[in-house]
C-alpha atoms as a PDB file:
ATOM      1  CA  MET A   1      -0.052  -0.082   0.473  1.00  0.00           C
ATOM      2  CA  THR A   2       3.236   2.213   0.612  1.00  0.00           C
ATOM      3  CA  THR A   3       3.762   1.717  -2.773  1.00  0.00           C
ATOM      4  CA  TYR A   4       0.489   3.305  -4.113  1.00  0.00           C
ATOM      5  CA  PHE A   5       0.962   6.561  -1.811  1.00  0.00           C
ATOM      6  CA  GLU A   6       4.549   6.783  -2.912  1.00  0.00           C
ATOM      7  CA  ARG A   7       3.140   6.888  -6.696  1.00  0.00           C
ATOM      8  CA  GLN A   8       0.873   9.441  -6.237  1.00  0.00           C
ATOM      9  CA  LEU A   9       3.223  11.478  -4.336  1.00  0.00           C
ATOM     10  CA  LYS A  10       5.349  11.542  -7.148  1.00  0.00           C
ATOM     11  CA  GLU A  11       2.457  12.722  -9.426  1.00  0.00           C
ATOM     12  CA  PHE A  12       1.739  15.532  -7.066  1.00  0.00           C
ATOM     13  CA  ASP A  13       5.299  16.577  -7.320  1.00  0.00           C
ATOM     14  CA  HIS A  14       5.474  16.402 -11.132  1.00  0.00           C
ATOM     15  CA  ALA A  15       2.332  18.212 -11.474  1.00  0.00           C
ATOM     16  CA  ILE A  16       2.997  20.949  -9.128  1.00  0.00           C
ATOM     17  CA  HIS A  17       6.611  21.264 -11.270  1.00  0.00           C
ATOM     18  CA  SER A  18       4.471  21.369 -14.558  1.00  0.00           C
ATOM     19  CA  MET A  19       3.234  24.960 -13.286  1.00  0.00           C
ATOM     20  CA  ASP A  20       3.949  28.254 -14.472  1.00  0.00           C
ATOM     21  CA  MET A  21       5.367  29.651 -11.338  1.00  0.00           C
ATOM     22  CA  GLU A  22       5.356  33.203 -12.867  1.00  0.00           C
ATOM     23  CA  LEU A  23       1.631  33.009 -13.573  1.00  0.00           C
ATOM     24  CA  PHE A  24       1.168  31.692 -10.402  1.00  0.00           C
ATOM     25  CA  GLU A  25       2.904  34.542  -8.481  1.00  0.00           C
ATOM     26  CA  ARG A  26       1.121  36.623 -11.077  1.00  0.00           C
ATOM     27  CA  TRP A  27      -2.008  35.265  -9.616  1.00  0.00           C
ATOM     28  CA  VAL A  28      -1.216  35.509  -5.982  1.00  0.00           C
ATOM     29  CA  LYS A  29      -0.704  39.156  -6.734  1.00  0.00           C
ATOM     30  CA  GLU A  30      -3.901  40.318  -8.559  1.00  0.00           C
ATOM     31  CA  GLY A  31      -5.568  38.358  -6.042  1.00  0.00           C
ATOM     32  CA  ALA A  32      -4.394  40.463  -3.207  1.00  0.00           C
ATOM     33  CA  GLU A  33      -4.677  43.808  -5.470  1.00  0.00           C
ATOM     34  CA  THR A  34      -8.842  42.773  -5.755  1.00  0.00           C
ATOM     35  CA  LEU A  35      -9.374  42.200  -2.425  1.00  0.00           C
ATOM     36  CA  LYS A  36      -7.408  45.143  -1.239  1.00  0.00           C
ATOM     37  CA  ASN A  37      -9.373  47.333  -3.964  1.00  0.00           C
ATOM     38  CA  GLY A  38     -12.613  45.994  -2.017  1.00  0.00           C
ATOM     39  CA  HIS A  39     -13.968  43.019  -4.540  1.00  0.00           C
ATOM     40  CA  LYS A  40     -14.074  39.332  -3.844  1.00  0.00           C
ATOM     41  CA  ILE A  41     -12.784  36.140  -5.290  1.00  0.00           C
ATOM     42  CA  ILE A  42     -15.043  33.391  -6.335  1.00  0.00           C
ATOM     43  CA  ALA A  43     -14.297  29.942  -6.913  1.00  0.00           C
ATOM     44  CA  SER A  44     -16.778  28.368  -9.230  1.00  0.00           C
ATOM     45  CA  GLY A  45     -16.702  24.574 -10.180  1.00  0.00           C
ATOM     46  CA  LEU A  46     -18.846  21.467 -10.735  1.00  0.00           C
ATOM     47  CA  GLY A  47     -19.144  17.602  -9.354  1.00  0.00           C
ATOM     48  CA  LYS A  48     -15.972  17.050  -6.967  1.00  0.00           C
ATOM     49  CA  ASN A  49     -14.834  20.249  -7.636  1.00  0.00           C
ATOM     50  CA  VAL A  50     -17.513  21.807  -5.415  1.00  0.00           C
ATOM     51  CA  PRO A  51     -15.940  20.647  -1.833  1.00  0.00           C
ATOM     52  CA  VAL A  52     -12.691  21.698  -3.405  1.00  0.00           C
ATOM     53  CA  CYS A  53     -13.945  25.078  -3.979  1.00  0.00           C
ATOM     54  CA  GLU A  54     -15.714  25.068  -0.552  1.00  0.00           C
ATOM     55  CA  LYS A  55     -12.541  24.587   1.274  1.00  0.00           C
ATOM     56  CA  PHE A  56     -10.806  27.385  -0.405  1.00  0.00           C
ATOM     57  CA  VAL A  57     -13.584  29.456   0.564  1.00  0.00           C
ATOM     58  CA  GLY A  58     -13.961  28.631   4.128  1.00  0.00           C
ATOM     59  CA  SER A  59      -9.934  29.172   4.276  1.00  0.00           C
ATOM     60  CA  MET A  60     -10.533  32.626   2.954  1.00  0.00           C
ATOM     61  CA  GLN A  61     -13.157  33.265   5.052  1.00  0.00           C
ATOM     62  CA  SER A  62     -11.315  32.168   8.286  1.00  0.00           C
ATOM     63  CA  LEU A  63      -8.885  34.840   7.164  1.00  0.00           C
ATOM     64  CA  GLY A  64     -11.275  37.609   7.049  1.00  0.00           C
ATOM     65  CA  LEU A  65     -11.092  37.582   2.925  1.00  0.00           C
ATOM     66  CA  GLU A  66     -13.859  38.259   0.841  1.00  0.00           C
ATOM     67  CA  ALA A  67     -14.736  35.020  -1.107  1.00  0.00           C
ATOM     68  CA  CYS A  68     -17.818  32.745  -2.395  1.00  0.00           C
ATOM     69  CA  PHE A  69     -18.462  29.622  -4.212  1.00  0.00           C
ATOM     70  CA  LEU A  70     -20.242  29.662  -7.199  1.00  0.00           C
ATOM     71  CA  ASN A  71     -21.741  26.688  -8.858  1.00  0.00           C
ATOM     72  CA  THR A  72     -21.328  26.369 -12.308  1.00  0.00           C
ATOM     73  CA  ASN A  73     -24.390  24.830 -13.114  1.00  0.00           C
ATOM     74  CA  SER A  74     -26.662  27.112 -11.336  1.00  0.00           C
ATOM     75  CA  ALA A  75     -24.609  30.066 -12.006  1.00  0.00           C
ATOM     76  CA  VAL A  76     -26.520  30.644 -14.972  1.00  0.00           C
ATOM     77  CA  HIS A  77     -30.187  30.203 -13.573  1.00  0.00           C
ATOM     78  CA  GLY A  78     -29.718  33.387 -11.487  1.00  0.00           C
ATOM     79  CA  ASP A  79     -26.643  32.521  -8.774  1.00  0.00           C
ATOM     80  CA  MET A  80     -24.174  34.850 -11.518  1.00  0.00           C
ATOM     81  CA  GLY A  81     -25.640  37.814  -9.441  1.00  0.00           C
ATOM     82  CA  VAL A  82     -22.693  37.340  -6.711  1.00  0.00           C
ATOM     83  CA  VAL A  83     -20.237  38.829  -9.808  1.00  0.00           C
ATOM     84  CA  LYS A  84     -19.615  42.209  -9.680  1.00  0.00           C
ATOM     85  CA  GLU A  85     -17.520  44.435 -11.244  1.00  0.00           C
ATOM     86  CA  GLY A  86     -13.807  43.999 -10.214  1.00  0.00           C
ATOM     87  CA  ASP A  87     -13.973  40.328  -8.643  1.00  0.00           C
ATOM     88  CA  MET A  88     -11.937  37.702  -9.555  1.00  0.00           C
ATOM     89  CA  VAL A  89     -13.708  34.650 -10.540  1.00  0.00           C
ATOM     90  CA  ILE A  90     -11.650  31.278 -10.772  1.00  0.00           C
ATOM     91  CA  ILE A  91     -13.218  28.360 -12.841  1.00  0.00           C
ATOM     92  CA  LEU A  92     -11.886  24.719 -11.962  1.00  0.00           C
ATOM     93  CA  THR A  93     -12.299  22.166 -15.010  1.00  0.00           C
ATOM     94  CA  LYS A  94      -9.915  19.165 -15.557  1.00  0.00           C
ATOM     95  CA  SER A  95     -10.408  19.368 -19.608  1.00  0.00           C
ATOM     96  CA  GLY A  96     -11.273  22.936 -19.985  1.00  0.00           C
ATOM     97  CA  GLU A  97     -14.194  21.631 -22.266  1.00  0.00           C
ATOM     98  CA  THR A  98     -17.248  21.313 -20.215  1.00  0.00           C
ATOM     99  CA  GLU A  99     -20.156  22.699 -21.632  1.00  0.00           C
ATOM    100  CA  GLU A 100     -21.443  24.199 -18.313  1.00  0.00           C
ATOM    101  CA  SER A 101     -17.711  26.080 -17.922  1.00  0.00           C
ATOM    102  CA  ILE A 102     -17.650  27.031 -21.386  1.00  0.00           C
ATOM    103  CA  TYR A 103     -20.835  28.704 -21.119  1.00  0.00           C
ATOM    104  CA  LEU A 104     -20.398  30.392 -17.946  1.00  0.00           C
ATOM    105  CA  ALA A 105     -16.482  31.751 -18.719  1.00  0.00           C
ATOM    106  CA  ARG A 106     -17.715  33.184 -22.025  1.00  0.00           C
ATOM    107  CA  LEU A 107     -21.001  34.903 -20.179  1.00  0.00           C
ATOM    108  CA  LEU A 108     -18.342  36.102 -17.451  1.00  0.00           C
ATOM    109  CA  GLN A 109     -16.210  37.667 -20.242  1.00  0.00           C
ATOM    110  CA  GLU A 110     -19.045  40.055 -20.801  1.00  0.00           C
ATOM    111  CA  ARG A 111     -18.221  41.572 -17.315  1.00  0.00           C
ATOM    112  CA  ASN A 112     -15.369  43.538 -16.126  1.00  0.00           C
ATOM    113  CA  VAL A 113     -13.977  40.491 -14.117  1.00  0.00           C
ATOM    114  CA  ASP A 114     -10.265  39.085 -13.537  1.00  0.00           C
ATOM    115  CA  MET A 115     -11.096  35.343 -14.808  1.00  0.00           C
ATOM    116  CA  TRP A 116      -8.489  32.565 -14.148  1.00  0.00           C
ATOM    117  CA  LEU A 117      -8.925  28.863 -14.969  1.00  0.00           C
ATOM    118  CA  LEU A 118      -7.520  26.236 -13.571  1.00  0.00           C
ATOM    119  CA  THR A 119      -7.099  23.327 -15.513  1.00  0.00           C
ATOM    120  CA  PHE A 120      -5.070  20.272 -16.657  1.00  0.00           C
ATOM    121  CA  ASN A 121      -5.674  20.704 -20.492  1.00  0.00           C
ATOM    122  CA  LYS A 122      -3.560  22.951 -22.095  1.00  0.00           C
ATOM    123  CA  ASP A 123      -4.900  22.843 -25.709  1.00  0.00           C
ATOM    124  CA  SER A 124      -8.607  22.780 -24.295  1.00  0.00           C
ATOM    125  CA  ILE A 125     -11.453  25.524 -25.206  1.00  0.00           C
ATOM    126  CA  LEU A 126     -10.813  27.546 -22.442  1.00  0.00           C
ATOM    127  CA  THR A 127      -7.333  27.668 -22.335  1.00  0.00           C
ATOM    128  CA  CYS A 128      -7.656  29.199 -25.701  1.00  0.00           C
ATOM    129  CA  GLU A 129     -10.342  31.587 -24.344  1.00  0.00           C
ATOM    130  CA  ILE A 130      -9.302  32.492 -21.153  1.00  0.00           C
ATOM    131  CA  PRO A 131      -5.530  33.919 -20.956  1.00  0.00           C
ATOM    132  CA  ASN A 132      -5.422  33.677 -17.162  1.00  0.00           C
ATOM    133  CA  SER A 133      -5.163  29.820 -17.442  1.00  0.00           C
ATOM    134  CA  VAL A 134      -3.098  27.548 -15.041  1.00  0.00           C
ATOM    135  CA  VAL A 135      -2.635  24.477 -16.404  1.00  0.00           C
ATOM    136  CA  LEU A 136      -0.964  21.380 -14.543  1.00  0.00           C
ATOM    137  CA  ASP A 137       0.320  18.613 -16.436  1.00  0.00           C
ATOM    138  CA  LEU A 138      -1.342  15.144 -14.308  1.00  0.00           C
ATOM    139  CA  ARG A 139      -0.107  11.867 -15.764  1.00  0.00           C
ATOM    140  CA  HIS A 140      -2.572   9.946 -13.692  1.00  0.00           C
ATOM    141  CA  GLU A 141      -5.578  10.060 -11.915  1.00  0.00           C
ATOM    142  CA  GLY A 142      -4.209   7.481  -9.370  1.00  0.00           C
ATOM    143  CA  ASP A 143      -7.010   5.190  -9.790  1.00  0.00           C
ATOM    144  CA  MET A 144      -7.549   1.600 -11.953  1.00  0.00           C
ATOM    145  CA  TRP A 145      -8.564   3.193 -15.373  1.00  0.00           C
ATOM    146  CA  ASN A 146      -7.055   6.841 -14.957  1.00  0.00           C
ATOM    147  CA  ILE A 147     -10.449   8.379 -15.182  1.00  0.00           C
ATOM    148  CA  MET A 148     -11.987   9.344 -11.708  1.00  0.00           C
ATOM    149  CA  PRO A 149     -11.398  12.769 -10.071  1.00  0.00           C
ATOM    150  CA  ASN A 150      -8.766  11.717  -7.811  1.00  0.00           C
ATOM    151  CA  ASN A 151      -5.520  13.236  -8.049  1.00  0.00           C
ATOM    152  CA  SER A 152      -6.532  16.106  -9.884  1.00  0.00           C
ATOM    153  CA  THR A 153      -9.414  17.161  -7.520  1.00  0.00           C
ATOM    154  CA  THR A 154      -6.682  16.781  -4.574  1.00  0.00           C
ATOM    155  CA  LEU A 155      -4.340  19.368  -6.912  1.00  0.00           C
ATOM    156  CA  ASN A 156      -6.987  21.563  -7.248  1.00  0.00           C
ATOM    157  CA  LEU A 157      -7.246  21.932  -3.904  1.00  0.00           C
ATOM    158  CA  ILE A 158      -3.090  22.138  -2.973  1.00  0.00           C
ATOM    159  CA  VAL A 159      -2.780  24.943  -5.712  1.00  0.00           C
ATOM    160  CA  LEU A 160      -6.065  26.758  -4.272  1.00  0.00           C
ATOM    161  CA  GLN A 161      -4.553  26.560  -0.630  1.00  0.00           C
ATOM    162  CA  GLY A 162      -1.310  27.439  -1.845  1.00  0.00           C
ATOM    163  CA  LEU A 163      -3.038  30.344  -3.254  1.00  0.00           C
ATOM    164  CA  VAL A 164      -4.550  31.413  -0.340  1.00  0.00           C
ATOM    165  CA  MET A 165      -1.505  31.188   2.140  1.00  0.00           C
ATOM    166  CA  LYS A 166       0.572  33.536  -0.569  1.00  0.00           C
ATOM    167  CA  MET A 167      -2.350  36.121  -0.567  1.00  0.00           C
ATOM    168  CA  ALA A 168      -2.697  36.327   3.158  1.00  0.00           C
ATOM    169  CA  SER A 169       0.987  36.650   3.071  1.00  0.00           C
ATOM    170  CA  THR A 170       1.578  38.931   0.887  1.00  0.00           C
ATOM    171  CA  LEU A 171      -1.635  40.968   2.262  1.00  0.00           C
ATOM    172  CA  GLU A 172       0.543  40.365   5.931  1.00  0.00           C
ATOM    173  CA  ILE A 173      -3.079  39.099   7.629  1.00  0.00           C
ATOM    174  CA  PRO A 174      -2.768  39.088  11.258  1.00  0.00           C
ATOM    175  CA  ILE A 175      -3.493  36.267  13.140  1.00  0.00           C
ATOM    176  CA  GLU A 176      -5.793  38.405  15.275  1.00  0.00           C
ATOM    177  CA  ASP A 177      -7.831  38.142  11.913  1.00  0.00           C
ATOM    178  CA  PHE A 178      -7.888  34.690  11.903  1.00  0.00           C
ATOM    179  CA  ARG A 179      -8.769  34.593  15.739  1.00  0.00           C
ATOM    180  CA  LYS A 180     -11.580  36.415  15.986  1.00  0.00           C
ATOM    181  CA  ASN A 181     -13.005  34.274  12.932  1.00  0.00           C
ATOM    182  CA  HIS A 182     -12.031  31.073  14.504  1.00  0.00           C
ATOM    183  CA  PRO A 183     -12.719  31.000  18.055  1.00  0.00           C
ATOM    184  CA  GLY A 184     -14.070  27.839  18.452  1.00  0.00           C
ATOM    185  CA  GLY A 185     -12.293  24.032  18.903  1.00  0.00           C
ATOM    186  CA  ALA A 186      -8.927  23.012  19.605  1.00  0.00           C
ATOM    187  CA  ILE A 187      -7.482  25.688  17.421  1.00  0.00           C
ATOM    188  CA  GLY A 188      -9.965  28.425  19.477  1.00  0.00           C
ATOM    189  CA  GLN A 189      -8.413  27.200  22.618  1.00  0.00           C
ATOM    190  CA  LYS A 190      -5.132  27.209  21.326  1.00  0.00           C
ATOM    191  CA  LEU A 191      -5.345  31.095  19.889  1.00  0.00           C
ATOM    192  CA  ARG A 192      -7.087  31.949  23.356  1.00  0.00           C
END
């Protein structure tokens, strides 16, 4: 069993090292600027990326940073009202070819937002249409068929959590902000 985990860690290492770090740093900078200017960061995804987006938003809110989740499906049924001028919208899609994600991205291009794509396909429709495309090279999902959203969702979580931590550092978020937003549990007790 240890061999399985070692193999997946190698996949994560390869994928993270395939990321354009200059682009990632620009993402951090633009995200921090978005927040400094009083706007929010919106994460949008479908299926297994929903809890990944929710974890990202939860981490942001724990630090007192404005963020929300926009389900890609329900966005076009009225939920796009959460998107305001100046916001940053991050779309998660493994293939960059998902019909709902393409539709949402095209609608968002009509708004004055800073749109980013997190994906694993450098030749997709969305990587062609969204200039700010963070693309990871994923060699294997880690399941028997190389098809389940397994390693891809884990990598999305790693990248988005890295984005939160780097933005918090850039913005010099004091621990007091985290303390007042997380008074409960063992963490709250430790921070008292």
